Amino acid sequence: MSKEKSVTVSLRISDLAYKALQDESKKMNVSLNTLANQIFLAFATYDRYLIRFGMAKISIPTLRRIIGAGTDAEVAQAGRYAGKSLPNSFILNMRGKLTLDTVIEYLTIMGKYANMFDYSEASQGGRTTLTLAHDLGEKGSLFLENYVEGMFEQLGEEIKVHRYPDSITFEVSEASRLSD
């Protein structure tokens, strides 16, 4: 991500919030300014959409239990449906258009702020391999595989997802990304 312009502001916050921020910044070994900026970025990039679309923050163990309660067919169907619905609205609200780059940006944001998976990508030979590593178990991989496939179907892009017990990977061509 490129370095963005910063602005200087003065805010009034409650003493309770200030003490909590000070405590957390010491634990994280970052400045209070850095922590506050991270919190503001999380709101600007993710939390405001979370609120707008009625999304909920739940623990990974709870999500793993929910996903694990369904049959493979039910988990796959739920993933496909989820991938075809909410991400589109989120992306269109955030960026105004649904493209390969905005879908990848959405996955990056979900990895960073939703804590459902760890997003990474690596490029080689004109292809970019995207990896979503997670702690959701094998059914979590099944859910994410179908979630991602559902999102890419909306673009008219067919992708091949490789599913592993604790991650999924898929490739996109650099040419497809540049043509957006």
Protein backbone atom coordinates (compact mmCIF):
# COMPACT_ATOMS: atom_id res chain seq x y z
CA MET A 1 0.00 0.00 0.00
CA SER A 2 1.35 3.44 -0.87
CA LYS A 3 2.00 5.96 1.85
CA GLU A 4 -1.05 8.14 2.21
CA LYS A 5 -1.07 11.79 3.08
CA SER A 6 -1.67 12.39 6.77
CA VAL A 7 -3.51 15.25 8.45
CA THR A 8 -3.20 16.67 11.93
CA VAL A 9 -6.39 16.72 14.00
CA SER A 10 -7.29 17.37 17.60
CA LEU A 11 -9.91 15.15 19.24
CA ARG A 12 -11.60 14.94 22.59
CA ILE A 13 -12.08 11.39 23.88
CA SER A 14 -13.21 9.98 27.19
CA ASP A 15 -10.64 9.34 29.90
CA LEU A 16 -11.60 5.62 29.86
CA ALA A 17 -10.92 5.38 26.11
CA TYR A 18 -7.63 7.28 26.47
CA LYS A 19 -6.35 5.00 29.22
CA ALA A 20 -7.35 1.88 27.27
CA LEU A 21 -5.57 3.18 24.16
CA GLN A 22 -2.45 4.03 26.16
CA ASP A 23 -2.44 0.57 27.74
CA GLU A 24 -2.91 -1.19 24.41
CA SER A 25 -0.25 0.91 22.64
CA LYS A 26 2.26 -0.08 25.33
CA LYS A 27 1.32 -3.77 25.00
CA MET A 28 1.65 -3.60 21.21
CA ASN A 29 4.85 -1.55 21.45
CA VAL A 30 3.51 1.13 19.09
CA SER A 31 2.88 4.81 19.60
CA LEU A 32 -0.54 6.03 20.62
CA ASN A 33 -0.68 7.85 17.28
CA THR A 34 0.00 4.62 15.34
CA LEU A 35 -2.63 2.70 17.29
CA ALA A 36 -5.23 5.45 16.82
CA ASN A 37 -4.48 5.54 13.09
CA GLN A 38 -4.86 1.75 12.86
CA ILE A 39 -8.25 2.00 14.61
CA PHE A 40 -9.41 4.80 12.30
CA LEU A 41 -8.24 2.84 9.23
CA ALA A 42 -10.11 -0.26 10.42
CA PHE A 43 -13.27 1.82 10.71
CA ALA A 44 -12.78 3.59 7.37
CA THR A 45 -11.89 0.40 5.50
CA TYR A 46 -14.08 -2.24 7.14
CA ASP A 47 -16.13 -1.50 10.26
CA ARG A 48 -18.39 1.13 8.71
CA TYR A 49 -19.40 -1.37 6.02
CA LEU A 50 -19.79 -4.09 8.64
CA ILE A 51 -22.33 -1.88 10.41
CA ARG A 52 -24.06 -0.85 7.16
CA PHE A 53 -24.56 -4.45 5.97
CA GLY A 54 -25.51 -5.99 9.31
CA MET A 55 -22.38 -8.10 9.57
CA ALA A 56 -21.34 -9.52 12.93
CA LYS A 57 -17.99 -10.12 14.58
CA ILE A 58 -17.80 -13.62 16.05
CA SER A 59 -14.94 -15.72 17.34
CA ILE A 60 -13.13 -18.13 15.05
CA PRO A 61 -13.95 -21.13 17.32
CA THR A 62 -17.66 -20.22 17.13
CA LEU A 63 -17.52 -19.82 13.35
CA ARG A 64 -15.69 -23.16 13.07
CA ARG A 65 -18.47 -24.85 15.10
CA ILE A 66 -21.19 -23.26 12.96
CA ILE A 67 -19.52 -24.32 9.70
CA GLY A 68 -18.79 -27.77 11.13
CA ALA A 69 -22.45 -28.35 12.00
CA GLY A 70 -23.49 -28.64 8.36
CA THR A 71 -23.04 -31.42 5.85
CA ASP A 72 -20.42 -30.89 3.16
CA ALA A 73 -23.17 -30.09 0.65
CA GLU A 74 -24.78 -27.55 3.01
CA VAL A 75 -21.44 -25.89 3.78
CA ALA A 76 -20.58 -25.67 0.07
CA GLN A 77 -24.01 -24.23 -0.75
CA ALA A 78 -23.77 -21.69 2.09
CA GLY A 79 -20.31 -20.62 0.92
CA ARG A 80 -21.42 -20.22 -2.68
CA TYR A 81 -24.49 -18.21 -1.68
CA ALA A 82 -22.49 -16.00 0.69
CA GLY A 83 -19.86 -15.37 -2.00
CA LYS A 84 -22.49 -14.31 -4.52
CA SER A 85 -24.37 -11.91 -2.26
CA LEU A 86 -22.75 -9.75 0.42
CA PRO A 87 -19.32 -9.18 -1.20
CA ASN A 88 -20.97 -7.59 -4.26
CA SER A 89 -22.88 -5.07 -2.16
CA PHE A 90 -19.82 -4.39 0.00
CA ILE A 91 -17.56 -3.88 -3.03
CA LEU A 92 -20.04 -1.76 -4.98
CA ASN A 93 -20.63 0.43 -1.93
CA MET A 94 -16.90 0.74 -1.29
CA ARG A 95 -15.55 1.15 -4.85
CA GLY A 96 -18.54 1.58 -7.16
CA LYS A 97 -17.65 -1.28 -9.49
CA LEU A 98 -17.05 -4.99 -9.39
CA THR A 99 -13.73 -5.91 -11.00
CA LEU A 100 -11.01 -8.45 -10.43
CA ASP A 101 -8.98 -5.85 -8.55
CA THR A 102 -11.87 -4.78 -6.31
CA VAL A 103 -12.66 -8.44 -5.50
CA ILE A 104 -9.02 -8.99 -4.57
CA GLU A 105 -9.05 -5.78 -2.52
CA TYR A 106 -12.14 -7.07 -0.71
CA LEU A 107 -10.36 -10.33 0.15
CA THR A 108 -7.36 -8.34 1.38
CA ILE A 109 -9.62 -6.25 3.63
CA MET A 110 -11.42 -9.34 4.93
CA GLY A 111 -8.08 -10.93 5.74
CA LYS A 112 -6.84 -7.85 7.54
CA TYR A 113 -9.94 -6.75 9.41
CA ALA A 114 -12.42 -9.67 9.64
CA ASN A 115 -9.74 -12.05 10.94
CA MET A 116 -11.41 -14.98 9.17
CA PHE A 117 -8.27 -15.84 7.26
CA ASP A 118 -4.75 -14.62 6.58
CA TYR A 119 -4.54 -13.26 3.04
CA SER A 120 -1.33 -13.43 1.03
CA GLU A 121 -0.34 -13.29 -2.60
CA ALA A 122 2.74 -14.12 -4.64
CA SER A 123 3.38 -13.33 -8.29
CA GLN A 124 5.45 -15.34 -10.71
CA GLY A 125 5.43 -15.82 -14.46
CA GLY A 126 2.47 -13.53 -15.15
CA ARG A 127 0.26 -15.30 -12.58
CA THR A 128 -0.62 -14.28 -9.05
CA THR A 129 -1.33 -17.00 -6.50
CA LEU A 130 -3.65 -15.92 -3.73
CA THR A 131 -3.76 -17.84 -0.46
CA LEU A 132 -6.33 -17.69 2.31
CA ALA A 133 -4.90 -19.50 5.36
CA HIS A 134 -7.29 -20.06 8.25
CA ASP A 135 -8.10 -21.90 11.49
CA LEU A 136 -11.59 -22.99 10.43
CA GLY A 137 -10.85 -26.66 9.78
CA GLU A 138 -11.51 -28.67 6.63
CA LYS A 139 -15.11 -27.52 6.35
CA GLY A 140 -13.83 -23.97 6.62
CA SER A 141 -11.73 -24.62 3.53
CA LEU A 142 -14.81 -26.02 1.78
CA PHE A 143 -16.80 -22.92 2.74
CA LEU A 144 -14.05 -20.53 1.60
CA GLU A 145 -13.51 -22.42 -1.66
CA ASN A 146 -17.18 -21.97 -2.58
CA TYR A 147 -17.26 -18.40 -1.22
CA VAL A 148 -14.38 -17.38 -3.50
CA GLU A 149 -15.81 -19.28 -6.48
CA GLY A 150 -19.16 -17.53 -5.93
CA MET A 151 -17.46 -14.13 -5.94
CA PHE A 152 -15.52 -14.84 -9.12
CA GLU A 153 -18.63 -16.20 -10.88
CA GLN A 154 -20.10 -12.71 -10.53
CA LEU A 155 -17.15 -11.44 -12.59
CA GLY A 156 -17.58 -14.12 -15.24
CA GLU A 157 -14.14 -15.46 -14.25
CA GLU A 158 -13.60 -19.14 -13.71
CA ILE A 159 -10.88 -19.96 -11.26
CA LYS A 160 -9.44 -23.18 -10.01
CA VAL A 161 -9.30 -23.31 -6.24
CA HIS A 162 -7.00 -25.75 -4.49
CA ARG A 163 -8.36 -26.74 -1.10
CA TYR A 164 -6.21 -27.82 1.83
CA PRO A 165 -7.21 -28.55 5.46
CA ASP A 166 -6.11 -25.10 6.64
CA SER A 167 -6.06 -22.96 3.49
CA ILE A 168 -7.20 -22.45 -0.07
CA THR A 169 -5.18 -21.13 -3.00
CA PHE A 170 -6.18 -19.90 -6.43
CA GLU A 171 -4.50 -18.14 -9.31
CA VAL A 172 -5.36 -15.11 -11.39
CA SER A 173 -3.46 -13.83 -14.40
CA GLU A 174 -1.68 -10.50 -14.25
CA ALA A 175 -3.21 -9.71 -17.67
CA SER A 176 -6.71 -10.04 -16.17
CA ARG A 177 -5.80 -7.64 -13.39
CA LEU A 178 -4.35 -5.07 -15.78
CA SER A 179 -7.42 -5.16 -18.03
CA ASP A 180 -9.76 -3.91 -15.26
